[in-house]
Structures are given as structure tokens and as C-alpha cells.
Amino acid sequence: MAYQVHHLNCGSMCMRSSRLFHGAGGWLDMAHMVCHCLLIETDQGLVLVDTGIGYKDLTAPTFPDSYIVRKAMGLQLEPERCAISQVRALGYSPDEVRHIVVTHLDPDHAGGLMDFPQAEVHLLGKELEAATDPMTLWEKARYRSYQWKHRPKWNPHRQVGERWFGFDAVQVLNGALYDILLVPLTGHSRGHCGVAVSTQSGWLLHCGDAYFDQREVAPEAEPSIPMGIHLLESMDDVCRAERISNQKRLRQLKREQSDAVQLICSHDHAAFGHCDGCLHTLAKQPY
């Protein structure tokens, strides 16, 4: 069996305006964003990297906070895009998703946890603490605790480990899934992390919300970024200095290791378009 990595858009968001968020188009045109997730086939079952929007948030209008979440994020009512729907469309059962790795627990990244209650959920311990024991009013407001009311099988990882391309405290997912790494990229949230996957064509690094637009990590110094992107990032920051520092390191990584590491993020619609339909074969198999 050739184990593959699939790119999935597990939730579409539309906000005005294209000029503000994309730097092109009209002020009243819709700006499109995606929820870029990965589905990885392994001999340990399926692994999801982020879950995107939960099926219940789109189909159960009485579900707590679902209306507020939809309106605030401009979510499109497309249940067929939810991770659980796409897993089924690929011919798998939701029960075959054995592991979920979340970059962080914002609702557009962890909403689908409810749809895979049997899965083991991997994340940095600091992120679990932020969501379940918030230290600030902002942390209390940003997370939706009903999304883990089913009591997931949490596997919080400590922020310690090895160095990887200049990043510290990188950990393998577990002893069997040693080609999937958690890469701390804090700043957007207290325990935000990237997820690196080793493939035959090099490493694929899902950076979550460490950046929102691929131009932010372009090899050129100080790229020009639309004002709307800066606004979105500053609204959600827990520590702006950490986020900016990590963006600089990601830009350096892309400049120096572009042949070895491919960077993707969660919400860049144009970048997802280049990945949609791509399959990456895992580097080492069986695990």
C-alpha cells in the first residue's frame, strides 16, 4: 500500500472585501478563505491534521454558539466540505481516523473533533491548558468548549524535544508515527504548533495560523501584505512578538530549504488551489 497525504478544504469562509484581504479585486467583492487540512493514510489508521469546521456546527442550528461562529467567520453552509464528509467520500469510515493533530483549538481548526470521538487528539499541552483553563478573557472567548464536550482522548505533548531545521522542542507524534512532527510555532495562541510530515518529495510543514498569506513567508525581505491580513492576525494574537519571530524563521526556512520543506498554512485560498488534488507519498513505510 502506498500511503498518501491528501489536501482537504474542510470549510469555506467569505468576508468582504477582496481588496482589503487579498490586495486585489473590489472593496465589496468577497474575499475567500479555506480551512486547509491534511488527511494522512498510515498503517496506524488515518491521521487528520486539523479538522476544519464541524458537521454539527453547519447542520444543527440549535447547537450552542453555532450561529455566532458562522456569522463571525463568514462560514459557508457546505456540510459536504466537513472532514467527516470528505473522509467518507474517499471511501473510508470515520472510525478509521485514529489520530487527530490540531495546530490549535480555535473553532475553525478543531470543530470537527466532535465528528471523530474515537480519535486520539494530539496537541501541545499549553494549548490544551489555554482552552480548558483560560488565563485571560480573550482565551475564554476564543475557544468553544462544547466542541470537546464528548471528552476526547487528549494526548498533550510537552514543549520539549529535538531541533529540526532551526526550530526547537520538536516532537514525533509517537513511536510508530515518527515521520509526523509537532513543531512549536507559538504566538497566534498559547500552544500553537505546526505539523511536519515526511514525504518522498521532502517535508510538508502545515503552519496552521502562524501566517495567513503565502506572501508573508516569501523569501524576499519584508513582503507587502494586505492590511486585512494584518488586522486578522493582530486580532487573534496572544503574543505578537512570538508570532512575528516565527514568521521570520519560516521565511528563512523557505529561503534556505525550499527544496527540502514545503510550507502551507490554513487559510490561504490561492495556495490551497495549488495543492488541491495533490497527493504526497510518505517517505518511510511501513512505520
Protein backbone atom coordinates (compact mmCIF):
# COMPACT_ATOMS: atom_id res chain seq x y z
CA MET A 1 0.00 0.00 0.00
CA ALA A 2 1.32 3.45 -0.93
CA TYR A 3 0.45 5.72 1.96
CA GLN A 4 -0.70 9.13 0.80
CA VAL A 5 -1.24 12.65 2.14
CA HIS A 6 -4.43 14.31 0.89
CA HIS A 7 -5.12 18.06 0.94
CA LEU A 8 -8.68 18.90 2.07
CA ASN A 9 -10.58 22.17 2.34
CA CYS A 10 -12.76 21.49 5.38
CA GLY A 11 -14.61 24.79 5.50
CA SER A 12 -15.03 27.85 3.28
CA MET A 13 -15.19 31.39 4.64
CA CYS A 14 -16.21 34.51 2.73
CA MET A 15 -15.73 38.02 4.03
CA ARG A 16 -15.76 41.45 2.45
CA SER A 17 -13.61 42.78 0.92
CA SER A 18 -11.27 41.20 -1.62
CA ARG A 19 -9.20 44.39 -1.86
CA LEU A 20 -8.71 44.50 1.91
CA PHE A 21 -7.82 40.83 2.44
CA HIS A 22 -6.29 39.80 -0.90
CA GLY A 23 -4.86 43.11 -2.08
CA ALA A 24 -6.74 42.78 -5.38
CA GLY A 25 -10.32 42.98 -6.62
CA GLY A 26 -13.07 45.32 -5.46
CA TRP A 27 -13.72 46.66 -1.97
CA LEU A 28 -17.14 44.94 -1.96
CA ASP A 29 -16.05 41.71 -3.66
CA MET A 30 -15.94 38.63 -1.47
CA ALA A 31 -12.61 37.52 -0.03
CA HIS A 32 -12.32 33.75 0.07
CA MET A 33 -10.51 31.73 2.71
CA VAL A 34 -10.27 27.99 3.27
CA CYS A 35 -9.68 25.59 6.16
CA HIS A 36 -6.71 23.67 4.78
CA CYS A 37 -6.43 20.27 6.47
CA LEU A 38 -4.44 17.13 5.73
CA LEU A 39 -5.61 13.52 5.72
CA ILE A 40 -2.73 11.07 6.03
CA GLU A 41 -3.02 7.37 5.28
CA THR A 42 -0.81 5.22 7.54
CA ASP A 43 -0.71 1.63 8.74
CA GLN A 44 -1.77 3.03 12.12
CA GLY A 45 -5.03 4.27 10.63
CA LEU A 46 -5.91 7.67 9.21
CA VAL A 47 -4.37 10.82 10.68
CA LEU A 48 -6.09 14.21 10.35
CA VAL A 49 -4.09 17.41 10.67
CA ASP A 50 -6.71 19.92 11.86
CA THR A 51 -10.39 19.13 11.36
CA GLY A 52 -11.83 22.34 9.98
CA ILE A 53 -15.48 23.11 10.67
CA GLY A 54 -17.56 20.52 12.50
CA TYR A 55 -20.52 18.89 10.77
CA LYS A 56 -22.83 19.74 13.66
CA ASP A 57 -21.89 23.42 13.51
CA LEU A 58 -23.25 23.53 9.96
CA THR A 59 -26.27 21.24 10.31
CA ALA A 60 -27.55 21.82 13.88
CA PRO A 61 -28.60 25.48 14.22
CA THR A 62 -29.55 24.98 17.86
CA PHE A 63 -26.07 23.76 18.71
CA PRO A 64 -24.51 26.22 21.22
CA ASP A 65 -22.77 29.20 19.61
CA SER A 66 -23.00 27.75 16.09
CA TYR A 67 -24.87 30.78 14.71
CA ILE A 68 -22.38 33.20 16.28
CA VAL A 69 -19.41 31.25 14.94
CA ARG A 70 -20.89 31.08 11.43
CA LYS A 71 -21.62 34.79 11.25
CA ALA A 72 -18.32 35.95 12.73
CA MET A 73 -16.27 33.86 10.31
CA GLY A 74 -18.48 34.09 7.22
CA LEU A 75 -18.82 30.32 7.10
CA GLN A 76 -20.50 28.82 4.08
CA LEU A 77 -23.12 26.16 4.76
CA GLU A 78 -21.41 23.32 2.93
CA PRO A 79 -21.62 20.13 5.03
CA GLU A 80 -20.04 18.19 2.17
CA ARG A 81 -16.78 20.02 2.88
CA CYS A 82 -16.59 18.87 6.50
CA ALA A 83 -13.79 16.42 7.23
CA ILE A 84 -16.19 13.61 8.09
CA SER A 85 -17.95 14.01 4.73
CA GLN A 86 -14.68 14.03 2.79
CA VAL A 87 -13.36 11.02 4.68
CA ARG A 88 -16.47 9.11 3.63
CA ALA A 89 -16.19 10.39 0.05
CA LEU A 90 -12.69 8.89 -0.13
CA GLY A 91 -14.16 5.51 0.81
CA TYR A 92 -13.19 5.44 4.48
CA SER A 93 -15.21 5.11 7.66
CA PRO A 94 -14.89 7.93 10.23
CA ASP A 95 -13.83 5.25 12.72
CA GLU A 96 -10.66 4.77 10.66
CA VAL A 97 -9.46 8.22 11.75
CA ARG A 98 -7.34 7.05 14.69
CA HIS A 99 -5.32 10.23 15.30
CA ILE A 100 -6.04 13.95 15.01
CA VAL A 101 -3.27 16.53 15.28
CA VAL A 102 -4.53 20.07 15.88
CA THR A 103 -2.37 23.12 15.29
CA HIS A 104 -4.56 24.83 17.90
CA LEU A 105 -8.11 24.67 19.24
CA ASP A 106 -9.82 27.62 17.54
CA PRO A 107 -13.25 26.52 16.23
CA ASP A 108 -12.25 26.58 12.57
CA HIS A 109 -9.42 24.14 13.34
CA ALA A 110 -10.97 21.88 15.96
CA GLY A 111 -14.70 22.00 15.24
CA GLY A 112 -14.60 18.53 13.71
CA LEU A 113 -13.31 16.87 16.88
CA MET A 114 -16.96 16.12 17.66
CA ASP A 115 -17.24 14.10 14.45
CA PHE A 116 -14.41 11.70 15.39
CA PRO A 117 -14.99 10.93 19.07
CA GLN A 118 -12.89 7.75 18.94
CA ALA A 119 -9.72 9.51 17.73
CA GLU A 120 -6.69 10.30 19.88
CA VAL A 121 -6.13 14.06 19.79
CA HIS A 122 -2.54 15.32 19.75
CA LEU A 123 -1.64 18.92 20.59
CA LEU A 124 0.77 20.94 22.67
CA GLY A 125 -0.06 20.83 26.37
CA LYS A 126 -0.04 24.63 26.58
CA GLU A 127 -2.85 24.79 24.03
CA LEU A 128 -4.99 22.35 25.99
CA GLU A 129 -4.38 24.43 29.12
CA ALA A 130 -5.36 27.62 27.30
CA ALA A 131 -8.63 26.09 26.13
CA THR A 132 -9.65 24.29 29.32
CA ASP A 133 -8.17 26.68 31.89
CA PRO A 134 -8.04 30.12 30.20
CA MET A 135 -5.87 32.76 31.82
CA THR A 136 -7.43 35.79 30.12
CA LEU A 137 -10.84 36.96 28.94
CA TRP A 138 -9.64 36.63 25.35
CA GLU A 139 -8.68 32.99 25.85
CA LYS A 140 -12.05 32.36 27.45
CA ALA A 141 -13.84 33.96 24.49
CA ARG A 142 -11.91 32.41 21.60
CA TYR A 143 -12.50 28.72 22.37
CA ARG A 144 -15.77 26.77 22.13
CA SER A 145 -15.73 24.18 24.92
CA TYR A 146 -18.81 22.37 23.56
CA GLN A 147 -16.58 21.11 20.76
CA TRP A 148 -14.86 18.78 23.23
CA LYS A 149 -17.88 18.04 25.41
CA HIS A 150 -17.57 14.41 24.26
CA ARG A 151 -14.31 14.19 26.27
CA PRO A 152 -11.73 13.48 23.57
CA LYS A 153 -8.79 11.19 24.14
CA TRP A 154 -6.37 14.07 24.65
CA ASN A 155 -2.66 13.44 24.18
CA PRO A 156 -0.97 16.70 25.26
CA HIS A 157 2.68 16.94 24.23
CA ARG A 158 5.26 18.81 26.26
CA GLN A 159 7.12 21.63 24.55
CA VAL A 160 10.45 19.84 24.69
CA GLY A 161 12.27 17.76 22.09
CA GLU A 162 14.83 17.89 19.30
CA ARG A 163 15.93 20.57 16.85
CA TRP A 164 14.56 20.47 13.30
CA PHE A 165 15.68 22.93 10.62
CA GLY A 166 16.41 25.53 13.29
CA PHE A 167 13.20 25.03 15.28
CA ASP A 168 13.44 23.86 18.89
CA ALA A 169 11.45 21.39 21.00
CA VAL A 170 10.14 19.38 18.04
CA GLN A 171 8.48 16.06 18.92
CA VAL A 172 7.43 12.98 16.98
CA LEU A 173 3.76 12.10 17.17
CA ASN A 174 4.53 8.72 18.72
CA GLY A 175 6.90 5.79 18.35
CA ALA A 176 5.04 4.34 15.37
CA LEU A 177 4.20 7.62 13.63
CA TYR A 178 7.71 9.01 13.85
CA ASP A 179 7.52 10.78 10.47
CA ILE A 180 4.89 13.22 11.77
CA LEU A 181 6.28 16.01 13.94
CA LEU A 182 4.84 18.72 16.20
CA VAL A 183 6.75 21.97 15.64
CA PRO A 184 6.05 24.72 18.22
CA LEU A 185 5.01 27.96 16.46
CA THR A 186 3.52 29.93 19.33
CA GLY A 187 2.19 33.46 19.16
CA HIS A 188 -1.18 33.08 17.48
CA SER A 189 -2.27 31.12 20.54
CA ARG A 190 -0.52 29.96 23.70
CA GLY A 191 0.17 26.47 22.36
CA HIS A 192 0.01 26.93 18.59
CA CYS A 193 2.13 24.48 16.63
CA GLY A 194 2.94 23.42 13.11
CA VAL A 195 2.77 19.81 11.90
CA ALA A 196 5.52 18.41 9.67
CA VAL A 197 5.04 15.26 7.57
CA SER A 198 7.92 13.45 5.84
CA THR A 199 7.10 12.56 2.23
CA GLN A 200 9.13 11.18 -0.66
CA SER A 201 9.42 14.68 -2.12
CA GLY A 202 10.56 16.25 1.19
CA TRP A 203 8.92 17.61 4.30
CA LEU A 204 5.43 19.13 4.19
CA LEU A 205 5.01 21.65 7.03
CA HIS A 206 1.46 22.68 7.90
CA CYS A 207 1.95 26.01 9.69
CA GLY A 208 -1.65 26.48 10.85
CA ASP A 209 -2.24 30.16 11.59
CA ALA A 210 1.43 31.08 12.01
CA TYR A 211 0.74 33.09 8.85
CA PHE A 212 -2.41 33.70 6.76
CA ASP A 213 -0.99 34.62 3.36
CA GLN A 214 1.83 32.89 1.48
CA ARG A 215 3.39 36.28 0.74
CA GLU A 216 4.23 36.58 4.44
CA VAL A 217 6.84 33.83 4.11
CA ALA A 218 8.09 34.73 0.66
CA PRO A 219 11.91 34.60 0.57
CA GLU A 220 12.11 38.34 -0.13
CA ALA A 221 12.58 40.52 2.94
CA GLU A 222 9.62 42.48 4.32
CA PRO A 223 6.93 41.45 1.81
CA SER A 224 3.92 43.68 1.14
CA ILE A 225 0.89 42.15 2.88
CA PRO A 226 -2.75 43.31 2.55
CA MET A 227 -3.99 45.33 5.53
CA GLY A 228 -6.85 42.91 6.20
CA ILE A 229 -4.41 40.06 6.83
CA HIS A 230 -2.55 42.18 9.38
CA LEU A 231 -5.87 43.01 11.07
CA LEU A 232 -6.93 39.36 11.28
CA GLU A 233 -3.62 38.28 12.74
CA SER A 234 -3.42 41.10 15.28
CA MET A 235 -6.98 40.42 16.48
CA ASP A 236 -6.11 36.82 17.38
CA ASP A 237 -2.56 37.20 18.65
CA VAL A 238 -1.69 36.07 22.15
CA CYS A 239 1.91 37.23 21.70
CA ARG A 240 2.61 39.31 18.61
CA ALA A 241 6.39 39.24 19.14
CA GLU A 242 6.44 35.42 19.12
CA ARG A 243 4.27 35.24 16.00
CA ILE A 244 6.46 37.74 14.13
CA SER A 245 9.61 35.90 15.23
CA ASN A 246 8.23 32.59 13.99
CA GLN A 247 7.19 34.15 10.68
CA LYS A 248 10.77 35.35 10.20
CA ARG A 249 12.07 31.85 10.92
CA LEU A 250 9.59 30.35 8.46
CA ARG A 251 10.66 32.89 5.83
CA GLN A 252 14.27 31.92 6.43
CA LEU A 253 13.35 28.23 6.22
CA LYS A 254 11.67 28.78 2.87
CA ARG A 255 14.61 30.81 1.59
CA GLU A 256 17.26 28.28 2.65
CA GLN A 257 15.43 24.93 2.48
CA SER A 258 12.79 25.31 -0.22
CA ASP A 259 13.91 22.04 -1.82
CA ALA A 260 13.58 20.17 1.47
CA VAL A 261 10.47 21.74 3.07
CA GLN A 262 7.17 22.85 1.54
CA LEU A 263 5.19 25.33 3.65
CA ILE A 264 1.41 25.54 3.73
CA CYS A 265 -0.95 27.41 6.04
CA SER A 266 -4.60 27.09 6.99
CA HIS A 267 -6.47 29.88 5.23
CA ASP A 268 -4.70 30.96 2.03
CA HIS A 269 -7.24 30.27 -0.73
CA ALA A 270 -4.77 30.72 -3.60
CA ALA A 271 -2.14 28.47 -2.03
CA PHE A 272 -4.71 25.74 -1.41
CA GLY A 273 -5.64 25.91 -5.08
CA HIS A 274 -2.09 24.83 -5.95
CA CYS A 275 -2.33 21.87 -3.54
CA ASP A 276 -5.89 20.74 -4.27
CA GLY A 277 -5.82 17.30 -5.82
CA CYS A 278 -2.14 16.74 -4.99
CA LEU A 279 -1.10 13.50 -3.33
CA HIS A 280 2.18 13.09 -1.45
CA THR A 281 3.59 9.63 -0.84
CA LEU A 282 5.01 9.15 2.65
CA ALA A 283 8.77 8.79 2.86
CA LYS A 284 9.07 5.71 5.06
CA GLN A 285 6.71 2.79 5.11
CA PRO A 286 5.70 0.70 6.78
CA TYR A 287 6.26 2.56 10.04
